[in-house]
Amino acid sequence: MGNGGGGIIAGSAFVSFWLWNTVVASAHSWQPVCFRADATGEHIGLS
């Protein structure tokens, strides 16, 4: 913990997570029924 490489990896993962959440939020605007599935991570298999 605390090394620069780990921080870069964590930052990259955070950006990927944020982008994915943005996509999911967009999907919710027209497909709100998936909201509960997203809470359990099952949305990955419901596309």
PDB file of N, CA and C in Angstrom:
ATOM      1  N   MET A   1       0.848  -1.192   0.000  1.00  0.00           N
ATOM      2  CA  MET A   1       0.000   0.000   0.000  1.00  0.00           C
ATOM      3  C   MET A   1       0.884   1.244   0.000  1.00  0.00           C
ATOM      4  N   GLY A   2       0.415   2.260  -0.652  1.00  0.00           N
ATOM      5  CA  GLY A   2       1.128   3.527  -0.625  1.00  0.00           C
ATOM      6  C   GLY A   2       2.148   3.685  -1.729  1.00  0.00           C
ATOM      7  N   ASN A   3       2.324   2.672  -2.596  1.00  0.00           N
ATOM      8  CA  ASN A   3       3.302   2.885  -3.666  1.00  0.00           C
ATOM      9  C   ASN A   3       2.615   3.506  -4.883  1.00  0.00           C
ATOM     10  N   GLY A   4       3.375   4.224  -5.698  1.00  0.00           N
ATOM     11  CA  GLY A   4       2.803   4.960  -6.826  1.00  0.00           C
ATOM     12  C   GLY A   4       2.101   4.053  -7.818  1.00  0.00           C
ATOM     13  N   GLY A   5       2.683   2.886  -8.117  1.00  0.00           N
ATOM     14  CA  GLY A   5       2.073   1.976  -9.080  1.00  0.00           C
ATOM     15  C   GLY A   5       0.686   1.549  -8.627  1.00  0.00           C
ATOM     16  N   GLY A   6       0.548   1.235  -7.337  1.00  0.00           N
ATOM     17  CA  GLY A   6      -0.756   0.841  -6.809  1.00  0.00           C
ATOM     18  C   GLY A   6      -1.760   1.962  -6.958  1.00  0.00           C
ATOM     19  N   GLY A   7      -1.315   3.200  -6.740  1.00  0.00           N
ATOM     20  CA  GLY A   7      -2.228   4.340  -6.881  1.00  0.00           C
ATOM     21  C   GLY A   7      -2.715   4.497  -8.305  1.00  0.00           C
ATOM     22  N   ILE A   8      -1.810   4.267  -9.262  1.00  0.00           N
ATOM     23  CA  ILE A   8      -2.199   4.369 -10.672  1.00  0.00           C
ATOM     24  C   ILE A   8      -3.214   3.285 -11.013  1.00  0.00           C
ATOM     25  N   ILE A   9      -2.971   2.077 -10.554  1.00  0.00           N
ATOM     26  CA  ILE A   9      -3.896   0.971 -10.830  1.00  0.00           C
ATOM     27  C   ILE A   9      -5.258   1.257 -10.196  1.00  0.00           C
ATOM     28  N   ALA A  10      -5.257   1.723  -8.954  1.00  0.00           N
ATOM     29  CA  ALA A  10      -6.513   2.025  -8.276  1.00  0.00           C
ATOM     30  C   ALA A  10      -7.253   3.140  -9.002  1.00  0.00           C
ATOM     31  N   GLY A  11      -6.526   4.158  -9.435  1.00  0.00           N
ATOM     32  CA  GLY A  11      -7.153   5.267 -10.154  1.00  0.00           C
ATOM     33  C   GLY A  11      -7.758   4.791 -11.463  1.00  0.00           C
ATOM     34  N   SER A  12      -7.049   3.927 -12.156  1.00  0.00           N
ATOM     35  CA  SER A  12      -7.541   3.406 -13.425  1.00  0.00           C
ATOM     36  C   SER A  12      -8.812   2.587 -13.210  1.00  0.00           C
ATOM     37  N   ALA A  13      -8.809   1.766 -12.166  1.00  0.00           N
ATOM     38  CA  ALA A  13      -9.987   0.961 -11.848  1.00  0.00           C
ATOM     39  C   ALA A  13     -11.163   1.861 -11.498  1.00  0.00           C
ATOM     40  N   PHE A  14     -10.887   2.936 -10.752  1.00  0.00           N
ATOM     41  CA  PHE A  14     -11.953   3.870 -10.371  1.00  0.00           C
ATOM     42  C   PHE A  14     -12.563   4.520 -11.595  1.00  0.00           C
ATOM     43  N   VAL A  15     -11.723   4.937 -12.540  1.00  0.00           N
ATOM     44  CA  VAL A  15     -12.227   5.562 -13.773  1.00  0.00           C
ATOM     45  C   VAL A  15     -13.078   4.563 -14.555  1.00  0.00           C
ATOM     46  N   SER A  16     -12.613   3.325 -14.667  1.00  0.00           N
ATOM     47  CA  SER A  16     -13.376   2.309 -15.381  1.00  0.00           C
ATOM     48  C   SER A  16     -14.731   2.089 -14.716  1.00  0.00           C
ATOM     49  N   PHE A  17     -14.736   2.041 -13.378  1.00  0.00           N
ATOM     50  CA  PHE A  17     -15.965   1.849 -12.610  1.00  0.00           C
ATOM     51  C   PHE A  17     -16.914   3.022 -12.836  1.00  0.00           C
ATOM     52  N   TRP A  18     -16.372   4.244 -12.820  1.00  0.00           N
ATOM     53  CA  TRP A  18     -17.195   5.435 -13.024  1.00  0.00           C
ATOM     54  C   TRP A  18     -17.814   5.427 -14.422  1.00  0.00           C
ATOM     55  N   LEU A  19     -17.005   5.077 -15.426  1.00  0.00           N
ATOM     56  CA  LEU A  19     -17.522   5.025 -16.798  1.00  0.00           C
ATOM     57  C   LEU A  19     -18.626   3.980 -16.915  1.00  0.00           C
ATOM     58  N   TRP A  20     -18.425   2.814 -16.296  1.00  0.00           N
ATOM     59  CA  TRP A  20     -19.434   1.752 -16.342  1.00  0.00           C
ATOM     60  C   TRP A  20     -20.716   2.217 -15.671  1.00  0.00           C
ATOM     61  N   ASN A  21     -20.598   2.895 -14.528  1.00  0.00           N
ATOM     62  CA  ASN A  21     -21.791   3.400 -13.846  1.00  0.00           C
ATOM     63  C   ASN A  21     -22.525   4.411 -14.707  1.00  0.00           C
ATOM     64  N   THR A  22     -21.781   5.219 -15.469  1.00  0.00           N
ATOM     65  CA  THR A  22     -22.408   6.191 -16.362  1.00  0.00           C
ATOM     66  C   THR A  22     -23.222   5.464 -17.434  1.00  0.00           C
ATOM     67  N   VAL A  23     -22.669   4.401 -17.982  1.00  0.00           N
ATOM     68  CA  VAL A  23     -23.375   3.613 -18.996  1.00  0.00           C
ATOM     69  C   VAL A  23     -24.630   2.983 -18.399  1.00  0.00           C
ATOM     70  N   VAL A  24     -24.490   2.405 -17.213  1.00  0.00           N
ATOM     71  CA  VAL A  24     -25.619   1.772 -16.539  1.00  0.00           C
ATOM     72  C   VAL A  24     -26.706   2.804 -16.239  1.00  0.00           C
ATOM     73  N   ALA A  25     -26.298   3.990 -15.776  1.00  0.00           N
ATOM     74  CA  ALA A  25     -27.274   5.041 -15.489  1.00  0.00           C
ATOM     75  C   ALA A  25     -28.027   5.439 -16.756  1.00  0.00           C
ATOM     76  N   SER A  26     -27.326   5.491 -17.884  1.00  0.00           N
ATOM     77  CA  SER A  26     -27.984   5.819 -19.145  1.00  0.00           C
ATOM     78  C   SER A  26     -29.004   4.742 -19.499  1.00  0.00           C
ATOM     79  N   ALA A  27     -28.625   3.495 -19.308  1.00  0.00           N
ATOM     80  CA  ALA A  27     -29.535   2.392 -19.601  1.00  0.00           C
ATOM     81  C   ALA A  27     -30.788   2.499 -18.728  1.00  0.00           C
ATOM     82  N   HIS A  28     -30.611   2.920 -17.485  1.00  0.00           N
ATOM     83  CA  HIS A  28     -31.745   3.039 -16.575  1.00  0.00           C
ATOM     84  C   HIS A  28     -32.769   4.058 -17.048  1.00  0.00           C
ATOM     85  N   SER A  29     -32.338   5.028 -17.824  1.00  0.00           N
ATOM     86  CA  SER A  29     -33.280   6.043 -18.282  1.00  0.00           C
ATOM     87  C   SER A  29     -34.338   5.424 -19.202  1.00  0.00           C
ATOM     88  N   TRP A  30     -34.013   4.307 -19.846  1.00  0.00           N
ATOM     89  CA  TRP A  30     -34.986   3.646 -20.724  1.00  0.00           C
ATOM     90  C   TRP A  30     -35.301   2.220 -20.300  1.00  0.00           C
ATOM     91  N   GLN A  31     -34.576   1.702 -19.319  1.00  0.00           N
ATOM     92  CA  GLN A  31     -34.804   0.327 -18.876  1.00  0.00           C
ATOM     93  C   GLN A  31     -34.677   0.226 -17.351  1.00  0.00           C
ATOM     94  N   PRO A  32     -35.522   0.957 -16.605  1.00  0.00           N
ATOM     95  CA  PRO A  32     -35.412   0.998 -15.148  1.00  0.00           C
ATOM     96  C   PRO A  32     -35.620  -0.360 -14.472  1.00  0.00           C
ATOM     97  N   VAL A  33     -36.216  -1.303 -15.176  1.00  0.00           N
ATOM     98  CA  VAL A  33     -36.468  -2.619 -14.584  1.00  0.00           C
ATOM     99  C   VAL A  33     -35.175  -3.317 -14.180  1.00  0.00           C
ATOM    100  N   CYS A  34     -34.042  -2.895 -14.766  1.00  0.00           N
ATOM    101  CA  CYS A  34     -32.761  -3.525 -14.453  1.00  0.00           C
ATOM    102  C   CYS A  34     -32.151  -3.015 -13.149  1.00  0.00           C
ATOM    103  N   PHE A  35     -32.753  -1.996 -12.546  1.00  0.00           N
ATOM    104  CA  PHE A  35     -32.133  -1.367 -11.381  1.00  0.00           C
ATOM    105  C   PHE A  35     -31.817  -2.351 -10.265  1.00  0.00           C
ATOM    106  N   ARG A  36     -32.764  -3.192  -9.892  1.00  0.00           N
ATOM    107  CA  ARG A  36     -32.516  -4.133  -8.798  1.00  0.00           C
ATOM    108  C   ARG A  36     -31.438  -5.147  -9.171  1.00  0.00           C
ATOM    109  N   ALA A  37     -31.428  -5.572 -10.404  1.00  0.00           N
ATOM    110  CA  ALA A  37     -30.404  -6.517 -10.829  1.00  0.00           C
ATOM    111  C   ALA A  37     -29.021  -5.875 -10.703  1.00  0.00           C
ATOM    112  N   ASP A  38     -28.919  -4.567 -11.040  1.00  0.00           N
ATOM    113  CA  ASP A  38     -27.639  -3.876 -10.939  1.00  0.00           C
ATOM    114  C   ASP A  38     -27.103  -3.926  -9.510  1.00  0.00           C
ATOM    115  N   ALA A  39     -27.989  -3.862  -8.536  1.00  0.00           N
ATOM    116  CA  ALA A  39     -27.573  -3.854  -7.139  1.00  0.00           C
ATOM    117  C   ALA A  39     -26.828  -5.129  -6.771  1.00  0.00           C
ATOM    118  N   THR A  40     -27.112  -6.231  -7.472  1.00  0.00           N
ATOM    119  CA  THR A  40     -26.437  -7.489  -7.183  1.00  0.00           C
ATOM    120  C   THR A  40     -25.366  -7.814  -8.210  1.00  0.00           C
ATOM    121  N   GLY A  41     -25.171  -6.935  -9.188  1.00  0.00           N
ATOM    122  CA  GLY A  41     -24.154  -7.169 -10.198  1.00  0.00           C
ATOM    123  C   GLY A  41     -24.638  -8.048 -11.336  1.00  0.00           C
ATOM    124  N   GLU A  42     -25.905  -8.470 -11.295  1.00  0.00           N
ATOM    125  CA  GLU A  42     -26.413  -9.388 -12.307  1.00  0.00           C
ATOM    126  C   GLU A  42     -26.667  -8.715 -13.644  1.00  0.00           C
ATOM    127  N   HIS A  43     -26.631  -7.371 -13.667  1.00  0.00           N
ATOM    128  CA  HIS A  43     -26.876  -6.659 -14.926  1.00  0.00           C
ATOM    129  C   HIS A  43     -25.894  -7.082 -16.020  1.00  0.00           C
ATOM    130  N   ILE A  44     -24.726  -7.583 -15.607  1.00  0.00           N
ATOM    131  CA  ILE A  44     -23.717  -7.993 -16.592  1.00  0.00           C
ATOM    132  C   ILE A  44     -24.278  -9.105 -17.476  1.00  0.00           C
ATOM    133  N   GLY A  45     -25.130  -9.959 -16.919  1.00  0.00           N
ATOM    134  CA  GLY A  45     -25.682 -11.064 -17.688  1.00  0.00           C
ATOM    135  C   GLY A  45     -27.062 -10.792 -18.261  1.00  0.00           C
ATOM    136  N   LEU A  46     -27.600  -9.579 -18.055  1.00  0.00           N
ATOM    137  CA  LEU A  46     -28.947  -9.280 -18.516  1.00  0.00           C
ATOM    138  C   LEU A  46     -28.981  -8.373 -19.731  1.00  0.00           C
ATOM    139  N   SER A  47     -27.821  -8.073 -20.319  1.00  0.00           N
ATOM    140  CA  SER A  47     -27.782  -7.194 -21.483  1.00  0.00           C
ATOM    141  C   SER A  47     -28.496  -7.895 -22.635  1.00  0.00           C
TER     142      SER A  47
END
